[in-house]
Amino acid sequence: MNKNGFTLLELIFTIAILAIVLAAAAPSFHGLMARNKVERTVTELKGLFIAAKSEAVMRNKQVYLHTVGLTDTKTYTDDWCVIATTEPTANSCTTNDNTLYIVDGHSLSGLNIKRHQDYATIKIDSMNGHPKFNAGESIIDWLTFEKESGKAVTMQMHMFGRLYR
């Protein structure tokens, strides 16, 4: 006898095996998504920093990096931004004519994040594109973040204008 198709029992076994494989892969997939979120955040912040340094030198004007909505205590929030502007103060994540670049926390949700306690604002020199730190500091831990309760990533900023992770 020539049969076309599958029996009900074969379909049930196939679905059960697929369910087991997917259940085993789900935790790994969740970890991958968390790592991608952190990597995306690092990439966007590096891009903002490089662009801000370039703008400072190109315009021959001080550029400021403001961490709005962040404190020196790790906080699980999406209501933050890092904004590059020519204004020495910024109190909100809204853009204006002096806003050069912005990384918005709402597009990078789900991070525990904090900033360096002394650097809510970092001034970038117009002559050489180097950030200005307090006397004696050459490297600062600028931002630290983690996805939920995962491994923390700290972005360090060097006085000569390099950003490390």
Protein backbone atom coordinates (compact mmCIF):
# COMPACT_ATOMS: atom_id res chain seq x y z
CA MET A 1 0.00 0.00 0.00
CA ASN A 2 1.33 3.46 -0.94
CA LYS A 3 1.03 6.04 1.85
CA ASN A 4 1.31 9.77 1.37
CA GLY A 5 1.97 11.91 4.48
CA PHE A 6 2.61 11.23 8.15
CA THR A 7 0.67 9.42 10.81
CA LEU A 8 -0.62 11.29 13.84
CA LEU A 9 1.84 9.47 16.07
CA GLU A 10 4.82 10.55 13.91
CA LEU A 11 3.68 14.19 14.07
CA ILE A 12 3.30 14.08 17.87
CA PHE A 13 6.81 12.63 18.29
CA THR A 14 8.29 15.26 15.95
CA ILE A 15 6.59 18.13 17.78
CA ALA A 16 7.69 16.73 21.17
CA ILE A 17 11.33 16.49 20.05
CA LEU A 18 11.23 20.04 18.64
CA ALA A 19 9.75 21.34 21.90
CA ILE A 20 12.57 19.72 23.90
CA VAL A 21 15.25 21.19 21.61
CA LEU A 22 13.70 24.68 21.75
CA ALA A 23 13.37 24.52 25.55
CA ALA A 24 17.06 23.67 25.82
CA ALA A 25 18.06 26.51 23.46
CA ALA A 26 15.93 29.24 25.09
CA PRO A 27 18.35 30.17 27.93
CA SER A 28 21.24 30.38 25.48
CA PHE A 29 19.19 32.62 23.19
CA HIS A 30 18.30 34.92 26.12
CA GLY A 31 22.01 35.28 26.98
CA LEU A 32 22.80 36.08 23.36
CA MET A 33 20.17 38.82 23.30
CA ALA A 34 21.57 40.33 26.53
CA ARG A 35 25.13 40.34 25.14
CA ASN A 36 23.91 41.95 21.90
CA LYS A 37 22.18 44.72 23.88
CA VAL A 38 25.39 45.50 25.77
CA GLU A 39 27.49 45.40 22.58
CA ARG A 40 25.06 47.73 20.82
CA THR A 41 25.22 50.18 23.72
CA VAL A 42 29.03 50.13 23.69
CA THR A 43 29.09 50.70 19.93
CA GLU A 44 26.65 53.62 20.07
CA LEU A 45 28.52 55.31 22.94
CA LYS A 46 31.87 54.89 21.20
CA GLY A 47 30.41 56.42 18.06
CA LEU A 48 29.02 59.37 20.02
CA PHE A 49 32.38 59.94 21.72
CA ILE A 50 34.36 59.82 18.48
CA ALA A 51 31.91 62.12 16.72
CA ALA A 52 31.96 64.60 19.63
CA LYS A 53 35.77 64.76 19.57
CA SER A 54 35.75 65.34 15.83
CA GLU A 55 33.12 68.08 16.10
CA ALA A 56 35.11 69.87 18.82
CA VAL A 57 38.22 70.04 16.66
CA MET A 58 36.39 70.72 13.40
CA ARG A 59 34.30 73.55 14.86
CA ASN A 60 37.14 74.79 17.09
CA LYS A 61 34.58 74.94 19.89
CA GLN A 62 34.19 73.17 23.25
CA VAL A 63 31.88 70.17 23.11
CA TYR A 64 30.29 68.70 26.22
CA LEU A 65 29.18 65.14 26.92
CA HIS A 66 26.27 65.14 29.37
CA THR A 67 24.97 62.02 31.08
CA VAL A 68 21.37 63.01 31.73
CA GLY A 69 19.31 60.86 34.08
CA LEU A 70 22.28 58.83 35.34
CA THR A 71 23.76 58.83 38.83
CA ASP A 72 26.84 57.29 40.40
CA THR A 73 24.64 54.46 41.73
CA LYS A 74 23.70 51.64 39.41
CA THR A 75 20.05 52.09 38.43
CA TYR A 76 17.74 49.98 36.31
CA THR A 77 16.21 52.68 34.11
CA ASP A 78 15.49 53.55 30.49
CA ASP A 79 15.06 57.24 31.25
CA TRP A 80 18.60 58.39 30.47
CA CYS A 81 20.68 59.71 27.60
CA VAL A 82 24.21 60.73 26.74
CA ILE A 83 24.12 63.92 24.75
CA ALA A 84 26.91 65.73 22.91
CA THR A 85 26.28 69.45 22.69
CA THR A 86 28.05 72.78 22.53
CA GLU A 87 26.13 73.92 25.64
CA PRO A 88 27.87 73.57 29.03
CA THR A 89 24.63 72.37 30.67
CA ALA A 90 21.93 69.94 29.65
CA ASN A 91 19.09 68.91 31.93
CA SER A 92 16.93 66.87 29.57
CA CYS A 93 17.21 64.48 26.67
CA THR A 94 15.40 66.80 24.29
CA THR A 95 17.35 68.05 21.32
CA ASN A 96 17.87 71.66 20.30
CA ASP A 97 20.00 73.59 17.81
CA ASN A 98 23.16 72.99 19.85
CA THR A 99 22.67 69.22 20.13
CA LEU A 100 25.21 67.36 18.04
CA TYR A 101 24.53 63.71 18.89
CA ILE A 102 22.46 61.73 21.35
CA VAL A 103 22.30 58.15 22.61
CA ASP A 104 18.86 57.60 24.11
CA GLY A 105 18.31 55.01 26.84
CA HIS A 106 14.79 54.27 25.63
CA SER A 107 16.21 52.59 22.54
CA LEU A 108 18.63 50.59 24.73
CA SER A 109 16.19 49.47 27.41
CA GLY A 110 16.83 46.95 30.14
CA LEU A 111 20.25 48.05 31.40
CA ASN A 112 21.51 48.67 34.92
CA ILE A 113 23.68 51.72 34.36
CA LYS A 114 25.71 54.27 36.31
CA ARG A 115 28.18 57.05 35.55
CA HIS A 116 31.39 58.22 37.20
CA GLN A 117 30.59 60.13 40.39
CA ASP A 118 32.49 63.27 39.36
CA TYR A 119 31.63 63.41 35.68
CA ALA A 120 28.00 64.11 34.90
CA THR A 121 29.47 66.39 32.22
CA ILE A 122 32.78 65.99 30.40
CA LYS A 123 34.24 68.88 28.44
CA ILE A 124 36.12 68.04 25.24
CA ASP A 125 38.90 70.41 24.27
CA SER A 126 38.54 72.19 20.95
CA MET A 127 42.26 72.13 20.14
CA ASN A 128 43.04 68.43 20.43
CA GLY A 129 39.72 66.64 21.10
CA HIS A 130 40.87 65.41 24.51
CA PRO A 131 38.46 65.20 27.44
CA LYS A 132 39.22 67.43 30.43
CA PHE A 133 39.52 65.60 33.75
CA ASN A 134 40.29 66.74 37.28
CA ALA A 135 43.98 67.26 38.05
CA GLY A 136 45.88 64.01 38.38
CA GLU A 137 43.36 61.74 36.68
CA SER A 138 44.40 60.08 33.47
CA ILE A 139 41.75 57.36 33.13
CA ILE A 140 38.20 57.36 34.49
CA ASP A 141 35.53 54.67 34.61
CA TRP A 142 33.02 56.72 32.63
CA LEU A 143 29.99 54.41 32.41
CA THR A 144 29.27 50.99 33.87
CA PHE A 145 26.30 48.93 32.75
CA GLU A 146 24.97 45.41 32.69
CA LYS A 147 21.99 43.64 31.23
CA GLU A 148 19.71 42.62 34.11
CA SER A 149 21.97 40.64 36.47
CA GLY A 150 24.65 39.75 33.93
CA LYS A 151 28.32 40.61 33.70
CA ALA A 152 29.08 44.34 34.09
CA VAL A 153 30.89 46.29 31.37
CA THR A 154 32.82 49.44 32.22
CA MET A 155 33.72 52.01 29.59
CA GLN A 156 36.91 53.81 30.52
CA MET A 157 37.87 57.16 29.09
CA HIS A 158 41.53 58.16 28.77
CA MET A 159 42.75 61.73 29.07
CA PHE A 160 44.17 61.55 25.54
CA GLY A 161 40.74 60.86 24.10
CA ARG A 162 40.55 57.10 23.91
CA LEU A 163 37.57 55.06 25.02
CA TYR A 164 38.19 51.54 26.31
CA ARG A 165 35.87 48.75 27.21
